[in-house]
N, C-alpha and C. Protein backbone atom coordinates (compact mmCIF):
# COMPACT_ATOMS: atom_id res chain seq x y z
N MET A 1 -68.74 -4.15 -39.52
CA MET A 1 -69.39 -4.99 -38.86
C MET A 1 -70.92 -4.94 -38.60
N ASP A 2 -71.63 -5.05 -39.60
CA ASP A 2 -73.10 -5.02 -39.48
C ASP A 2 -73.63 -6.02 -39.51
N GLY A 3 -74.51 -6.47 -38.46
CA GLY A 3 -75.42 -7.74 -38.99
C GLY A 3 -75.23 -8.33 -37.60
N LYS A 4 -76.14 -9.20 -37.20
CA LYS A 4 -76.40 -9.90 -35.99
C LYS A 4 -75.11 -11.00 -35.82
N GLY A 5 -74.47 -11.00 -34.74
CA GLY A 5 -73.59 -11.99 -34.59
C GLY A 5 -72.34 -11.80 -35.48
N ARG A 6 -71.74 -10.70 -35.92
CA ARG A 6 -70.62 -10.41 -36.50
C ARG A 6 -69.57 -9.94 -35.39
N ALA A 7 -69.71 -9.91 -34.22
CA ALA A 7 -68.94 -9.52 -33.36
C ALA A 7 -67.78 -10.64 -33.13
N LEU A 8 -68.56 -11.85 -33.09
CA LEU A 8 -67.65 -13.07 -33.22
C LEU A 8 -66.55 -13.43 -34.08
N ASP A 9 -66.85 -12.82 -35.20
CA ASP A 9 -65.77 -12.92 -36.21
C ASP A 9 -64.56 -12.53 -35.86
N ASN A 10 -64.31 -11.46 -35.19
CA ASN A 10 -63.05 -11.08 -34.56
C ASN A 10 -62.38 -11.55 -33.17
N ILE A 11 -63.12 -12.73 -32.70
CA ILE A 11 -62.83 -13.09 -31.28
C ILE A 11 -61.15 -13.59 -31.29
N TYR A 12 -60.93 -14.13 -32.32
CA TYR A 12 -59.35 -14.50 -32.42
C TYR A 12 -58.57 -13.43 -32.39
N ILE A 13 -58.68 -12.53 -33.06
CA ILE A 13 -57.59 -11.42 -33.28
C ILE A 13 -57.83 -10.43 -31.96
N GLU A 14 -58.97 -10.49 -31.69
CA GLU A 14 -59.03 -9.63 -30.27
C GLU A 14 -58.43 -10.30 -29.15
N ARG A 15 -58.62 -11.48 -28.87
CA ARG A 15 -57.77 -12.26 -28.12
C ARG A 15 -56.15 -12.16 -27.95
N PHE A 16 -55.94 -12.31 -29.44
CA PHE A 16 -54.36 -12.02 -29.56
C PHE A 16 -54.04 -10.73 -29.22
N TRP A 17 -54.68 -9.60 -29.63
CA TRP A 17 -54.19 -8.15 -29.17
C TRP A 17 -54.36 -8.19 -27.67
N LYS A 18 -55.10 -8.80 -26.88
CA LYS A 18 -55.25 -8.66 -25.38
C LYS A 18 -53.92 -9.27 -24.84
N SER A 19 -53.78 -10.57 -25.48
CA SER A 19 -52.28 -11.32 -24.94
C SER A 19 -51.15 -10.30 -25.13
N ILE A 20 -51.09 -9.67 -26.36
CA ILE A 20 -50.02 -8.85 -26.51
C ILE A 20 -49.74 -7.72 -25.45
N LYS A 21 -51.00 -6.90 -25.26
CA LYS A 21 -51.23 -5.89 -24.43
C LYS A 21 -50.74 -6.54 -22.79
N TYR A 22 -51.43 -7.60 -22.33
CA TYR A 22 -51.45 -7.72 -20.81
C TYR A 22 -49.67 -8.58 -20.86
N VAL A 23 -49.42 -9.28 -21.70
CA VAL A 23 -48.09 -9.92 -21.40
C VAL A 23 -47.04 -9.22 -21.93
N LYS A 24 -46.98 -8.31 -22.83
CA LYS A 24 -45.63 -7.78 -23.38
C LYS A 24 -45.75 -6.27 -22.99
N ILE A 25 -46.90 -5.56 -23.28
CA ILE A 25 -46.86 -4.05 -23.50
C ILE A 25 -46.93 -3.48 -21.84
N TYR A 26 -48.17 -3.80 -21.30
CA TYR A 26 -48.29 -3.12 -20.08
C TYR A 26 -47.33 -3.79 -18.92
N LEU A 27 -46.72 -4.88 -19.20
CA LEU A 27 -45.63 -5.31 -18.03
C LEU A 27 -44.28 -4.36 -18.49
N ASN A 28 -44.27 -4.02 -19.73
CA ASN A 28 -42.82 -3.40 -20.07
C ASN A 28 -43.23 -1.92 -20.92
N PRO A 29 -43.67 -1.07 -20.43
CA PRO A 29 -44.13 -0.09 -21.25
C PRO A 29 -42.94 0.44 -22.21
N PRO A 30 -43.47 0.60 -23.53
CA PRO A 30 -42.31 1.10 -24.43
C PRO A 30 -41.86 2.58 -24.28
N ASN A 31 -40.59 2.97 -24.59
CA ASN A 31 -40.17 4.35 -24.52
C ASN A 31 -40.51 5.26 -25.86
N GLY A 32 -41.00 4.49 -26.82
CA GLY A 32 -41.43 5.29 -28.17
C GLY A 32 -42.01 4.31 -29.23
N GLY A 33 -42.18 4.76 -30.42
CA GLY A 33 -42.61 4.24 -31.37
C GLY A 33 -41.87 3.01 -31.92
N LEU A 34 -40.55 3.11 -32.05
CA LEU A 34 -39.56 2.21 -32.29
C LEU A 34 -39.75 1.02 -31.55
N ASN A 35 -39.57 1.38 -30.23
CA ASN A 35 -39.51 0.35 -29.04
C ASN A 35 -40.73 -0.44 -29.01
N LEU A 36 -41.82 0.31 -29.37
CA LEU A 36 -42.97 -0.40 -29.31
C LEU A 36 -43.12 -1.49 -30.61
N TYR A 37 -42.77 -0.92 -31.74
CA TYR A 37 -42.67 -1.93 -32.82
C TYR A 37 -41.76 -3.09 -32.64
N GLN A 38 -40.49 -2.98 -31.89
CA GLN A 38 -39.83 -4.05 -31.70
C GLN A 38 -40.17 -5.05 -30.66
N MET A 39 -41.04 -4.61 -29.88
CA MET A 39 -41.54 -5.24 -28.83
C MET A 39 -42.99 -6.09 -29.30
N ILE A 40 -43.55 -5.52 -30.37
CA ILE A 40 -44.67 -6.39 -30.84
C ILE A 40 -44.01 -7.42 -31.85
N LYS A 41 -42.95 -7.17 -32.70
CA LYS A 41 -42.41 -8.09 -33.49
C LYS A 41 -41.70 -9.10 -32.62
N GLU A 42 -41.41 -8.83 -31.69
CA GLU A 42 -40.44 -10.10 -30.88
C GLU A 42 -41.80 -10.93 -30.53
N TYR A 43 -42.85 -10.13 -29.99
CA TYR A 43 -43.91 -11.10 -29.43
C TYR A 43 -44.41 -11.93 -30.53
N ILE A 44 -44.73 -11.32 -31.77
CA ILE A 44 -45.21 -12.11 -32.85
C ILE A 44 -44.46 -13.39 -32.93
N GLU A 45 -43.19 -13.20 -33.11
CA GLU A 45 -42.16 -14.24 -33.42
C GLU A 45 -42.37 -15.33 -32.44
N PHE A 46 -42.41 -15.07 -31.08
CA PHE A 46 -42.53 -15.81 -29.99
C PHE A 46 -43.67 -16.71 -30.18
N TYR A 47 -44.95 -15.89 -30.46
CA TYR A 47 -46.29 -16.49 -30.53
C TYR A 47 -46.42 -17.56 -31.75
N ASN A 48 -45.56 -17.28 -32.75
CA ASN A 48 -45.79 -18.28 -34.06
C ASN A 48 -44.73 -18.94 -33.91
N LYS A 49 -43.54 -19.19 -33.55
CA LYS A 49 -42.56 -19.89 -33.51
C LYS A 49 -42.25 -20.50 -31.86
N LYS A 50 -42.77 -20.01 -31.00
CA LYS A 50 -42.13 -20.90 -29.89
C LYS A 50 -43.33 -21.25 -28.94
N ARG A 51 -44.37 -20.39 -29.02
CA ARG A 51 -45.56 -20.91 -28.07
C ARG A 51 -46.25 -21.84 -28.48
N ARG A 52 -46.66 -22.84 -27.46
CA ARG A 52 -47.50 -24.01 -27.85
C ARG A 52 -49.06 -23.56 -27.57
N HIS A 53 -49.79 -23.84 -28.50
CA HIS A 53 -51.25 -23.53 -28.66
C HIS A 53 -52.11 -24.72 -27.95
N THR A 54 -52.96 -24.81 -27.13
CA THR A 54 -53.59 -26.03 -26.82
C THR A 54 -54.66 -26.05 -27.78
N GLU A 55 -55.31 -25.04 -28.41
CA GLU A 55 -56.12 -25.28 -29.60
C GLU A 55 -55.84 -26.11 -30.60
N ILE A 56 -54.70 -26.09 -30.72
CA ILE A 56 -54.22 -26.95 -32.14
C ILE A 56 -53.37 -28.19 -31.68
N GLY A 57 -53.39 -28.55 -30.30
CA GLY A 57 -52.99 -29.85 -30.06
C GLY A 57 -51.51 -29.73 -29.40
N LYS A 58 -51.17 -28.55 -28.72
CA LYS A 58 -50.01 -27.97 -28.13
C LYS A 58 -48.97 -28.10 -29.04
N VAL A 59 -49.27 -27.94 -30.27
CA VAL A 59 -48.00 -27.43 -31.21
C VAL A 59 -47.91 -25.89 -31.47
N VAL A 60 -46.69 -25.80 -32.15
CA VAL A 60 -46.60 -24.47 -32.49
C VAL A 60 -46.95 -23.89 -33.98
N PRO A 61 -47.62 -22.84 -34.19
CA PRO A 61 -48.57 -22.40 -35.33
C PRO A 61 -47.62 -22.65 -36.63
N ASP A 62 -46.34 -22.51 -36.63
CA ASP A 62 -45.44 -22.38 -37.60
C ASP A 62 -45.28 -23.93 -38.21
N GLN A 63 -45.46 -24.84 -37.36
CA GLN A 63 -45.26 -26.18 -37.83
C GLN A 63 -46.55 -26.84 -38.66
N ILE A 64 -47.88 -26.30 -38.09
CA ILE A 64 -48.96 -26.45 -38.99
C ILE A 64 -48.91 -25.56 -40.10
N TYR A 65 -48.58 -24.50 -40.22
CA TYR A 65 -48.47 -23.93 -41.27
C TYR A 65 -47.54 -24.59 -42.29
N ASN A 66 -46.43 -24.92 -42.06
CA ASN A 66 -45.38 -25.35 -42.89
C ASN A 66 -45.93 -26.79 -43.33
N ALA A 67 -46.69 -27.70 -42.58
CA ALA A 67 -46.89 -28.87 -42.81
C ALA A 67 -47.87 -28.68 -44.10
N LYS A 68 -48.89 -27.65 -43.94
CA LYS A 68 -49.91 -27.63 -44.80
C LYS A 68 -49.21 -27.13 -46.26
N LYS A 69 -48.52 -26.27 -46.00
CA LYS A 69 -47.82 -25.61 -47.26
C LYS A 69 -47.05 -26.78 -48.04
N MET A 70 -46.22 -27.62 -47.29
CA MET A 70 -45.53 -28.84 -48.08
C MET A 70 -46.79 -29.74 -48.54
N ALA A 71 -47.85 -29.74 -47.89
CA ALA A 71 -48.68 -30.91 -48.58
C ALA A 71 -49.59 -30.43 -49.76
N SER A 72 -49.50 -29.09 -50.15
CA SER A 72 -50.34 -28.75 -51.38
C SER A 72 -49.32 -28.27 -52.42
């Protein structure tokens, strides 16, 4: 990340990891590495398949991904 303005390139992934930490991990501390892995996996599935995102018109990301996949 060298160069002016490069910190903004990671804004989306930084926001995503912040959401995982505040919504899932900090509220339910894991008991070990396997438990942490399962918690993150569950959250990612929820994030992609069930959570509606306002930035993309209150739809689920999987719907947009599948629509683009079918169009090409």
